[in-house]
Amino acid sequence: MISVKNKFDIVIIGGGPGGYVAAIRASQLGMSVAIVEKESLGGICLNWGCIPTKALLRTSEIKHILDNAEKYGFSIPDYKMDFDKIILRSREVSKQLSSGVEHLMKKNNVNVFKGFGKIINDSKNLKTVEVSSESNKKSILLSATNIILATGASSKNLSFLSSDGESVWDYKSAMTPKELPKSLIVIGSGAIGMEFASFYSDLGCKVTVLEVQKSILPNEDHEISDFVYKNFLSRGVKIFTEAVITDIAINKSVKCKINLNSNVTEIIADKILLAVGVEANIKNIGIENFNIKILNGSIVTDDWMETSEKGIYAIGDLTSGPWLAHKASHEGVLCVEKIKGLKVHKINKNEIPACTYSRPQVASIGITEKKAKEMGLDVKIGKFPFVGNGKAIALGDSEGLVKTIFDNQSGELLGAHMVGPEVTELIQGFAVAKRLETTEEELMTTIFPHPTLSESMHESVLDAFNKVIHF
């Protein structure tokens, strides 16, 4: 059975960081808006990604400090770790924030419909979304002039190996295990893979990382990638790059055979984690009934996030990368303001910062040194190690560096790449600089507070132009 229609200016399918932000902005602009979410508001990011993983990583960071407490003047013998409570805290953090999003929906008069959303027709420029749920036998029809698709993405499986939640994990399984495994194989060394490798290693798990490409964190600058590689090796994490999996056998344990330059190596572990990327949730949402172009598994949009079907927009992980929550949120605001008829600026992907919250942290924005050289650019490069920073030394966390890349002709900041303490917070300084089209002269003459970690950013800029002071 199908209930009567509810008419809105915008219907958004998906309540993640793209969808719910778009809903709030639409309401602020005076539009009637409905959001359809089949699970919990906040999407993967808030419930199973960005937020709960950071809660877990905070715990492993504290354990690392406890393990090294003596260098700070403390003796903490025989402290105990409660793994169940570690997992519980992560889930409670997510629950608190999901409840916060529900409050924001009520505060902004956003109509929330629980269920699975699917576009079913388009009549006289009025599109219809069917909302179905297992708990309600009646489907609800919502109509709107504009539809925003924000259904996100799911963990990708390999052609020969899929997550089963037991021996083979995806990110959800890795966040809610019944017990801490003694050993873990992580397939994939992107942000997700390295964050879980860092977390489980710090908690005492024997971790092996397998990467098919030549380096870990393959999207990062080569010097940052190399630094993280050496750091993880020093902590006892085994890493195999250019590793091709030839066979996997699952019984009580996981046996994984890999080919390394024609040499076969077997690795045995309690669990295996698939961290090989994500795929857009485009199935069964009705797009096959419309003129919506798909390229490499993602929905194609214009600069304002509109698909090839007028009035239907797509944001976040449904579209081309980078697949980041903050990108999705900005896309949501952008397309809503475009729908309203406001003057908007398209997103420049070179101005989107990326962060990995492992130990050590990694953050970057703009192009890498390798990319700059491939483009034939004349560049100046500056580097400054945290070992030369007073605040980092005082914190007892002075491993890492800041690397900046400038156009030698114009002084434009082309890229910034960082590894070390709190760089995921520091990177926003370079993000603002890029957005304002700041030159090297303006960065060099900016006064940075002392003592702070941010001084390393300043010194890196100075180093690019042979003016570094403290190294």
Protein backbone atom coordinates (compact mmCIF):
# COMPACT_ATOMS: atom_id res chain seq x y z
CA MET A 1 0.00 0.00 0.00
CA ILE A 2 1.11 3.57 -0.71
CA SER A 3 0.13 6.61 1.35
CA VAL A 4 -0.68 10.11 0.07
CA LYS A 5 2.01 12.39 -1.34
CA ASN A 6 3.91 15.00 0.66
CA LYS A 7 5.17 17.90 -1.44
CA PHE A 8 8.50 19.68 -0.75
CA ASP A 9 10.91 22.00 -2.51
CA ILE A 10 13.73 19.49 -2.01
CA VAL A 11 13.83 15.81 -1.06
CA ILE A 12 17.23 14.48 0.01
CA ILE A 13 17.94 10.75 -0.02
CA GLY A 14 20.63 10.03 2.56
CA GLY A 15 21.26 11.60 5.96
CA GLY A 16 25.06 11.62 6.11
CA PRO A 17 27.34 14.68 6.31
CA GLY A 18 26.33 15.66 2.79
CA GLY A 19 22.60 15.09 3.14
CA TYR A 20 21.88 16.53 6.56
CA VAL A 21 24.05 19.62 5.95
CA ALA A 22 22.21 20.23 2.67
CA ALA A 23 18.90 19.87 4.51
CA ILE A 24 19.84 22.46 7.13
CA ARG A 25 21.05 24.95 4.53
CA ALA A 26 17.88 24.47 2.47
CA SER A 27 15.77 25.19 5.54
CA GLN A 28 17.83 28.29 6.34
CA LEU A 29 17.05 29.55 2.84
CA GLY A 30 13.33 29.17 3.42
CA MET A 31 12.76 26.01 1.40
CA SER A 32 10.61 23.09 2.54
CA VAL A 33 12.82 20.03 2.77
CA ALA A 34 12.55 16.35 3.57
CA ILE A 35 15.36 13.93 4.24
CA VAL A 36 15.12 10.16 3.85
CA GLU A 37 17.46 7.92 5.86
CA LYS A 38 17.22 4.15 6.18
CA GLU A 39 19.48 3.86 9.23
CA SER A 40 20.87 6.47 11.65
CA LEU A 41 21.27 10.15 10.85
CA GLY A 42 24.90 11.12 10.35
CA GLY A 43 25.58 8.37 7.83
CA ILE A 44 28.70 6.23 7.70
CA CYS A 45 30.94 9.13 8.76
CA LEU A 46 29.29 9.76 12.08
CA ASN A 47 28.17 6.21 12.89
CA TRP A 48 30.84 3.97 11.35
CA GLY A 49 33.64 6.11 9.98
CA CYS A 50 35.15 9.48 10.80
CA ILE A 51 33.92 9.89 14.36
CA PRO A 52 34.04 6.42 15.98
CA THR A 53 37.44 5.65 14.45
CA LYS A 54 38.82 8.86 15.97
CA ALA A 55 37.46 7.77 19.35
CA LEU A 56 39.30 4.46 18.97
CA LEU A 57 42.49 6.17 17.85
CA ARG A 58 42.33 8.51 20.84
CA THR A 59 42.32 5.42 23.07
CA SER A 60 45.35 3.91 21.34
CA GLU A 61 47.11 7.27 21.59
CA ILE A 62 46.53 7.30 25.35
CA LYS A 63 47.85 3.75 25.62
CA HIS A 64 50.99 4.83 23.76
CA ILE A 65 51.46 7.65 26.27
CA LEU A 66 50.91 5.28 29.20
CA ASP A 67 53.48 2.88 27.76
CA ASN A 68 55.97 5.77 27.67
CA ALA A 69 54.87 7.46 30.91
CA GLU A 70 58.31 7.23 32.50
CA LYS A 71 59.76 9.82 30.16
CA TYR A 72 57.16 12.27 31.51
CA GLY A 73 58.03 11.45 35.13
CA PHE A 74 55.33 8.89 35.90
CA SER A 75 55.49 5.25 36.89
CA ILE A 76 52.30 3.36 36.07
CA PRO A 77 53.02 -0.33 36.55
CA ASP A 78 50.52 -3.04 35.60
CA TYR A 79 47.76 -0.79 34.31
CA LYS A 80 44.86 -2.71 32.78
CA MET A 81 43.17 -2.35 29.42
CA ASP A 82 39.46 -3.16 29.06
CA PHE A 83 38.90 -3.79 25.35
CA ASP A 84 35.11 -3.99 25.69
CA LYS A 85 35.02 -0.52 27.25
CA ILE A 86 37.24 0.83 24.48
CA ILE A 87 34.71 -0.33 21.88
CA LEU A 88 31.76 0.83 24.02
CA ARG A 89 33.15 4.36 24.33
CA SER A 90 33.47 4.59 20.54
CA ARG A 91 29.84 3.57 20.07
CA GLU A 92 28.64 5.99 22.75
CA VAL A 93 30.45 8.88 21.05
CA SER A 94 28.67 8.06 17.79
CA LYS A 95 25.30 7.73 19.52
CA GLN A 96 25.70 11.13 21.17
CA LEU A 97 26.46 12.85 17.86
CA SER A 98 23.70 11.03 15.97
CA SER A 99 21.24 12.29 18.58
CA GLY A 100 22.69 15.75 18.02
CA VAL A 101 21.89 15.55 14.30
CA GLU A 102 18.30 14.53 15.13
CA HIS A 103 18.05 17.66 17.28
CA LEU A 104 19.38 19.79 14.41
CA MET A 105 16.71 18.37 12.10
CA LYS A 106 13.96 19.36 14.54
CA LYS A 107 15.51 22.76 15.20
CA ASN A 108 15.60 23.53 11.46
CA ASN A 109 12.14 22.09 10.70
CA VAL A 110 13.51 19.38 8.45
CA ASN A 111 11.04 16.53 7.84
CA VAL A 112 12.77 13.21 8.48
CA PHE A 113 11.43 10.00 6.94
CA LYS A 114 12.85 6.67 8.08
CA GLY A 115 13.20 4.17 5.29
CA PHE A 116 14.81 3.40 1.96
CA GLY A 117 14.38 6.13 -0.64
CA LYS A 118 13.95 5.50 -4.36
CA ILE A 119 13.07 7.89 -7.21
CA ILE A 120 10.12 6.36 -9.07
CA ASN A 121 8.88 8.93 -11.59
CA ASP A 122 9.11 12.43 -13.02
CA SER A 123 5.88 14.13 -14.03
CA LYS A 124 5.73 17.77 -15.17
CA ASN A 125 9.04 18.58 -13.47
CA LEU A 126 7.75 17.16 -10.19
CA LYS A 127 9.76 14.16 -9.09
CA THR A 128 8.51 11.44 -6.75
CA VAL A 129 10.46 9.48 -4.14
CA GLU A 130 9.06 6.30 -2.64
CA VAL A 131 10.06 5.64 0.97
CA SER A 132 9.73 2.04 2.11
CA SER A 133 10.67 0.42 5.39
CA GLU A 134 10.42 -3.01 6.99
CA SER A 135 8.64 -1.59 10.04
CA ASN A 136 5.94 0.12 7.99
CA LYS A 137 3.93 -1.88 5.45
CA LYS A 138 2.83 1.33 3.76
CA SER A 139 5.21 3.11 1.44
CA ILE A 140 5.23 6.89 1.58
CA LEU A 141 5.43 9.06 -1.52
CA LEU A 142 7.31 12.35 -1.38
CA SER A 143 7.26 14.78 -4.28
CA ALA A 144 9.63 17.64 -4.99
CA THR A 145 10.94 19.83 -7.78
CA ASN A 146 14.51 18.91 -6.83
CA ILE A 147 16.04 15.69 -5.56
CA ILE A 148 19.48 15.45 -3.94
CA LEU A 149 21.06 12.00 -3.89
CA ALA A 150 23.38 11.59 -0.92
CA THR A 151 23.41 7.85 -0.31
CA GLY A 152 27.14 7.59 0.30
CA ALA A 153 29.32 4.55 -0.28
CA SER A 154 30.02 1.12 1.15
CA SER A 155 33.19 -0.81 1.84
CA LYS A 156 34.51 -2.47 -1.30
CA ASN A 157 35.19 -6.20 -1.46
CA LEU A 158 37.74 -8.02 -3.60
CA SER A 159 36.57 -10.24 -6.45
CA PHE A 160 37.82 -13.30 -4.57
CA LEU A 161 37.22 -12.19 -0.98
CA SER A 162 34.26 -10.58 0.79
CA SER A 163 33.70 -9.48 4.35
CA ASP A 164 31.85 -11.99 6.51
CA GLY A 165 32.06 -10.08 9.81
CA GLU A 166 33.95 -12.96 11.41
CA SER A 167 37.32 -13.87 9.92
CA VAL A 168 37.17 -11.25 7.16
CA TRP A 169 36.39 -7.73 8.39
CA ASP A 170 35.23 -4.52 6.79
CA TYR A 171 35.47 -1.21 8.68
CA LYS A 172 32.25 -1.92 10.61
CA SER A 173 33.55 -5.28 11.82
CA ALA A 174 36.89 -3.72 12.74
CA MET A 175 35.13 -1.18 14.97
CA THR A 176 33.01 -3.67 16.88
CA PRO A 177 35.03 -6.87 17.35
CA LYS A 178 34.11 -9.27 20.15
CA GLU A 179 37.72 -9.41 21.29
CA LEU A 180 41.15 -8.05 20.42
CA PRO A 181 42.82 -10.36 17.90
CA LYS A 182 46.40 -11.39 18.46
CA SER A 183 47.23 -10.82 14.80
CA LEU A 184 45.66 -8.96 11.90
CA ILE A 185 46.31 -8.64 8.16
CA VAL A 186 45.25 -5.31 6.67
CA ILE A 187 44.71 -5.30 2.89
CA GLY A 188 45.09 -1.74 1.64
CA SER A 189 47.23 1.10 2.97
CA GLY A 190 45.05 4.13 2.36
CA ALA A 191 43.76 6.25 5.24
CA ILE A 192 41.34 3.59 6.53
CA GLY A 193 43.88 0.79 6.39
CA MET A 194 46.66 2.75 8.08
CA GLU A 195 44.37 4.09 10.81
CA PHE A 196 43.24 0.59 11.77
CA ALA A 197 46.80 -0.71 11.47
CA SER A 198 47.90 2.02 13.87
CA PHE A 199 45.06 1.38 16.33
CA TYR A 200 45.46 -2.39 16.54
CA SER A 201 49.24 -2.24 16.61
CA ASP A 202 49.22 0.21 19.52
CA LEU A 203 46.86 -2.08 21.41
CA GLY A 204 49.32 -4.96 21.10
CA CYS A 205 48.05 -6.76 18.02
CA LYS A 206 50.61 -8.12 15.53
CA VAL A 207 49.76 -6.25 12.32
CA THR A 208 50.76 -6.90 8.70
CA VAL A 209 49.84 -4.43 5.95
CA LEU A 210 49.57 -5.51 2.31
CA GLU A 211 49.61 -2.92 -0.47
CA VAL A 212 49.52 -3.69 -4.20
CA GLN A 213 51.04 -0.33 -5.16
CA LYS A 214 54.69 0.71 -4.76
CA SER A 215 54.14 2.67 -1.56
CA ILE A 216 51.75 2.97 1.34
CA LEU A 217 49.42 5.98 1.48
CA PRO A 218 49.84 6.14 -2.31
CA ASN A 219 48.00 9.46 -2.67
CA GLU A 220 50.41 11.26 -0.35
CA ASP A 221 53.72 12.94 -1.20
CA HIS A 222 56.50 10.36 -1.45
CA GLU A 223 58.48 11.78 1.48
CA ILE A 224 55.46 11.64 3.76
CA SER A 225 54.70 8.09 2.67
CA ASP A 226 58.31 7.03 3.27
CA PHE A 227 58.29 8.60 6.72
CA VAL A 228 55.14 6.74 7.78
CA TYR A 229 56.50 3.50 6.31
CA LYS A 230 59.69 3.71 8.41
CA ASN A 231 57.75 4.74 11.51
CA PHE A 232 55.40 1.76 11.29
CA LEU A 233 58.29 -0.64 10.68
CA SER A 234 60.02 0.69 13.80
CA ARG A 235 56.89 -0.15 15.79
CA GLY A 236 56.91 -3.76 14.63
CA VAL A 237 54.28 -3.48 11.89
CA LYS A 238 55.15 -5.57 8.85
CA ILE A 239 54.48 -3.89 5.52
CA PHE A 240 54.62 -5.50 2.08
CA THR A 241 54.28 -3.24 -0.96
CA GLU A 242 53.74 -4.43 -4.53
CA ALA A 243 52.14 -7.44 -2.90
CA VAL A 244 49.84 -9.56 -5.06
CA ILE A 245 47.55 -11.94 -3.18
CA THR A 246 47.60 -15.37 -4.81
CA ASP A 247 45.57 -17.43 -2.33
CA ILE A 248 43.55 -17.04 0.85
CA ALA A 249 42.42 -19.94 3.05
CA ILE A 250 40.07 -19.36 5.98
CA ASN A 251 39.64 -21.85 8.79
CA LYS A 252 40.20 -21.06 12.45
CA SER A 253 42.82 -18.62 11.21
CA VAL A 254 43.46 -16.79 7.94
CA LYS A 255 46.26 -17.96 5.66
CA CYS A 256 47.23 -15.47 3.00
CA LYS A 257 49.75 -16.16 0.25
CA ILE A 258 51.30 -13.19 -1.54
CA ASN A 259 53.60 -12.87 -4.52
CA LEU A 260 56.55 -10.51 -3.96
CA ASN A 261 58.73 -10.20 -7.04
CA SER A 262 58.02 -13.84 -7.98
CA ASN A 263 58.63 -15.01 -4.42
CA VAL A 264 55.64 -16.50 -2.59
CA THR A 265 55.25 -15.63 1.09
CA GLU A 266 52.58 -17.02 3.44
CA ILE A 267 51.16 -14.92 6.28
CA ILE A 268 48.95 -16.36 9.01
CA ALA A 269 46.72 -14.20 11.22
CA ASP A 270 43.58 -14.37 13.35
CA LYS A 271 41.68 -11.84 11.22
CA ILE A 272 41.94 -10.03 7.91
CA LEU A 273 40.66 -6.49 7.24
CA LEU A 274 39.60 -5.33 3.79
CA ALA A 275 40.50 -1.66 3.38
CA VAL A 276 40.62 -1.49 -0.40
CA GLY A 277 38.35 1.50 -0.87
CA VAL A 278 34.64 2.19 -1.21
CA GLU A 279 31.98 1.95 -3.91
CA ALA A 280 29.08 4.32 -4.44
CA ASN A 281 25.64 3.26 -3.21
CA ILE A 282 23.86 3.70 -6.54
CA LYS A 283 21.93 0.42 -6.68
CA ASN A 284 18.15 0.35 -6.29
CA ILE A 285 17.73 4.11 -5.81
CA GLY A 286 15.92 4.54 -9.11
CA ILE A 287 18.56 6.27 -11.20
CA GLU A 288 18.29 3.64 -13.92
CA ASN A 289 14.91 5.17 -14.83
CA PHE A 290 16.47 8.55 -15.58
CA ASN A 291 19.06 10.08 -17.87
CA ILE A 292 21.81 9.97 -15.23
CA LYS A 293 25.34 9.32 -16.45
CA ILE A 294 27.63 6.94 -14.55
CA LEU A 295 31.41 6.87 -14.98
CA ASN A 296 33.66 4.36 -13.19
CA GLY A 297 30.90 3.56 -10.73
CA SER A 298 30.25 7.20 -9.76
CA ILE A 299 27.48 9.61 -10.77
CA VAL A 300 28.64 12.33 -13.15
CA THR A 301 27.65 15.89 -12.19
CA ASP A 302 28.37 19.42 -13.34
CA ASP A 303 30.15 22.02 -11.18
CA TRP A 304 26.90 22.62 -9.25
CA MET A 305 26.38 18.91 -8.50
CA GLU A 306 23.47 18.54 -10.93
CA THR A 307 23.34 15.27 -12.83
CA SER A 308 22.53 14.94 -16.52
CA GLU A 309 18.88 14.72 -15.41
CA LYS A 310 17.59 18.23 -14.70
CA GLY A 311 16.50 18.68 -11.09
CA ILE A 312 18.38 15.65 -9.76
CA TYR A 313 21.62 16.33 -7.91
CA ALA A 314 24.27 14.02 -6.44
CA ILE A 315 26.76 14.84 -3.71
CA GLY A 316 29.44 13.16 -1.60
CA ASP A 317 30.69 9.64 -2.17
CA LEU A 318 28.27 9.07 -5.06
CA THR A 319 30.42 11.39 -7.14
CA SER A 320 34.10 11.40 -8.12
CA GLY A 321 36.67 11.64 -5.33
CA PRO A 322 38.11 12.58 -3.02
CA TRP A 323 35.59 10.67 -0.89
CA LEU A 324 35.69 12.85 2.20
CA ALA A 325 32.95 13.99 4.57
CA HIS A 326 33.94 17.67 4.40
CA LYS A 327 33.76 17.58 0.61
CA ALA A 328 30.25 16.12 0.81
CA SER A 329 29.11 18.83 3.23
CA HIS A 330 30.39 21.63 1.00
CA GLU A 331 28.81 20.04 -2.05
CA GLY A 332 25.49 19.88 -0.19
CA VAL A 333 25.59 23.60 0.60
CA LEU A 334 26.76 24.48 -2.91
CA CYS A 335 23.96 22.67 -4.75
CA VAL A 336 21.24 23.91 -2.39
CA GLU A 337 22.38 27.52 -2.86
CA LYS A 338 22.45 26.96 -6.62
CA ILE A 339 18.89 25.63 -6.50
CA LYS A 340 17.88 28.74 -4.58
CA GLY A 341 19.46 30.91 -7.26
CA LEU A 342 22.29 32.35 -5.19
CA LYS A 343 25.70 33.17 -6.62
CA VAL A 344 27.96 30.24 -5.78
CA HIS A 345 31.57 29.26 -6.46
CA LYS A 346 32.48 25.80 -7.69
CA ILE A 347 34.70 23.59 -5.56
CA ASN A 348 38.39 23.46 -6.39
CA LYS A 349 39.53 19.96 -5.46
CA ASN A 350 43.10 21.22 -4.97
CA GLU A 351 41.75 23.19 -2.01
CA ILE A 352 40.33 20.13 -0.21
CA PRO A 353 42.56 18.98 2.67
CA ALA A 354 42.96 15.26 3.38
CA CYS A 355 43.78 13.76 6.77
CA THR A 356 44.88 10.38 8.12
CA TYR A 357 44.56 10.07 11.90
CA SER A 358 47.08 7.30 12.45
CA ARG A 359 50.10 7.66 14.72
CA PRO A 360 51.82 9.69 13.33
CA GLN A 361 49.08 11.85 11.83
CA VAL A 362 49.19 12.78 8.14
CA ALA A 363 47.61 15.80 6.44
CA SER A 364 47.93 17.31 2.99
CA ILE A 365 46.46 19.78 0.53
CA GLY A 366 47.20 20.56 -3.11
CA ILE A 367 49.59 18.71 -5.38
CA THR A 368 52.59 16.57 -4.49
CA GLU A 369 56.18 17.20 -5.56
CA LYS A 370 55.93 14.34 -8.05
CA LYS A 371 52.76 15.76 -9.57
CA ALA A 372 54.28 19.24 -9.84
CA LYS A 373 57.26 17.84 -11.74
CA GLU A 374 54.99 15.78 -14.01
CA MET A 375 53.20 19.04 -14.84
CA GLY A 376 56.52 20.60 -15.75
CA LEU A 377 56.24 23.31 -13.10
CA ASP A 378 59.22 25.28 -11.83
CA VAL A 379 58.93 24.82 -8.08
CA LYS A 380 60.61 25.69 -4.81
CA ILE A 381 60.33 23.18 -1.99
CA GLY A 382 60.69 23.80 1.72
CA LYS A 383 60.95 21.29 4.57
CA PHE A 384 61.10 21.61 8.32
CA PRO A 385 61.34 18.71 10.83
CA PHE A 386 59.39 18.80 14.08
CA VAL A 387 62.62 17.92 15.89
CA GLY A 388 63.51 21.58 15.40
CA ASN A 389 60.25 22.78 16.98
CA GLY A 390 60.28 23.66 20.69
CA LYS A 391 56.61 22.83 21.30
CA ALA A 392 56.95 19.39 19.69
CA ILE A 393 59.99 18.61 21.83
CA ALA A 394 58.14 19.75 24.97
CA LEU A 395 55.23 17.49 24.04
CA GLY A 396 57.59 14.55 23.65
CA ASP A 397 56.36 14.09 20.08
CA SER A 398 58.95 15.54 17.71
CA GLU A 399 58.90 12.97 14.89
CA GLY A 400 57.63 14.32 11.60
CA LEU A 401 58.01 17.16 9.12
CA VAL A 402 56.23 19.88 7.17
CA LYS A 403 56.81 20.12 3.42
CA THR A 404 55.64 23.00 1.25
CA ILE A 405 55.68 23.39 -2.53
CA PHE A 406 55.59 26.78 -4.27
CA ASP A 407 55.48 27.96 -7.85
CA ASN A 408 58.84 29.66 -8.39
CA GLN A 409 57.40 32.19 -10.82
CA SER A 410 54.25 33.36 -9.04
CA GLY A 411 54.93 32.39 -5.43
CA GLU A 412 51.66 30.43 -5.34
CA LEU A 413 51.37 27.73 -2.68
CA LEU A 414 50.86 24.58 -4.76
CA GLY A 415 50.84 22.00 -2.00
CA ALA A 416 51.51 21.34 1.67
CA HIS A 417 52.25 17.91 3.13
CA MET A 418 52.65 17.14 6.80
CA VAL A 419 53.31 14.21 9.09
CA GLY A 420 53.60 14.42 12.86
CA PRO A 421 51.84 15.77 15.96
CA GLU A 422 48.39 17.31 15.39
CA VAL A 423 49.00 17.99 11.71
CA THR A 424 45.33 17.20 11.03
CA GLU A 425 44.55 20.40 12.95
CA LEU A 426 47.42 22.41 11.47
CA ILE A 427 46.56 21.73 7.82
CA GLN A 428 43.65 24.17 7.92
CA GLY A 429 46.15 27.03 8.03
CA PHE A 430 47.40 26.04 4.60
CA ALA A 431 43.81 25.43 3.42
CA VAL A 432 42.93 29.05 4.24
CA ALA A 433 46.14 30.23 2.57
CA LYS A 434 45.30 28.36 -0.66
CA ARG A 435 41.72 29.62 -0.66
CA LEU A 436 42.94 33.21 -0.33
CA GLU A 437 45.58 32.63 -3.02
CA THR A 438 48.24 33.61 -0.53
CA THR A 439 51.78 33.98 -1.86
CA GLU A 440 55.04 32.97 -0.21
CA GLU A 441 55.70 36.60 0.75
CA GLU A 442 52.47 36.84 2.73
CA LEU A 443 53.13 33.54 4.50
CA MET A 444 56.71 34.50 5.35
CA THR A 445 55.64 37.85 6.82
CA THR A 446 52.78 36.32 8.85
CA ILE A 447 53.57 36.27 12.57
CA PHE A 448 53.13 32.77 14.02
CA PRO A 449 52.73 32.44 17.82
CA HIS A 450 55.51 30.91 19.91
CA PRO A 451 55.79 28.24 21.14
CA THR A 452 53.43 26.36 18.82
CA LEU A 453 53.57 23.47 16.40
CA SER A 454 52.40 25.90 13.71
CA GLU A 455 55.85 27.52 13.71
CA SER A 456 57.01 24.48 11.73
CA MET A 457 54.64 25.55 8.96
CA HIS A 458 56.26 28.99 8.91
CA GLU A 459 59.78 27.54 8.91
CA SER A 460 58.92 25.23 6.02
CA VAL A 461 57.84 28.23 3.95
CA LEU A 462 61.03 30.07 4.90
CA ASP A 463 63.09 27.04 3.95
CA ALA A 464 61.63 27.03 0.45
CA PHE A 465 63.19 30.44 -0.08
CA ASN A 466 66.46 29.82 1.82
CA LYS A 467 65.39 31.85 4.86
CA VAL A 468 64.85 29.08 7.43
CA ILE A 469 65.87 30.13 10.96
CA HIS A 470 65.79 27.19 13.33
CA PHE A 471 67.30 24.37 11.30
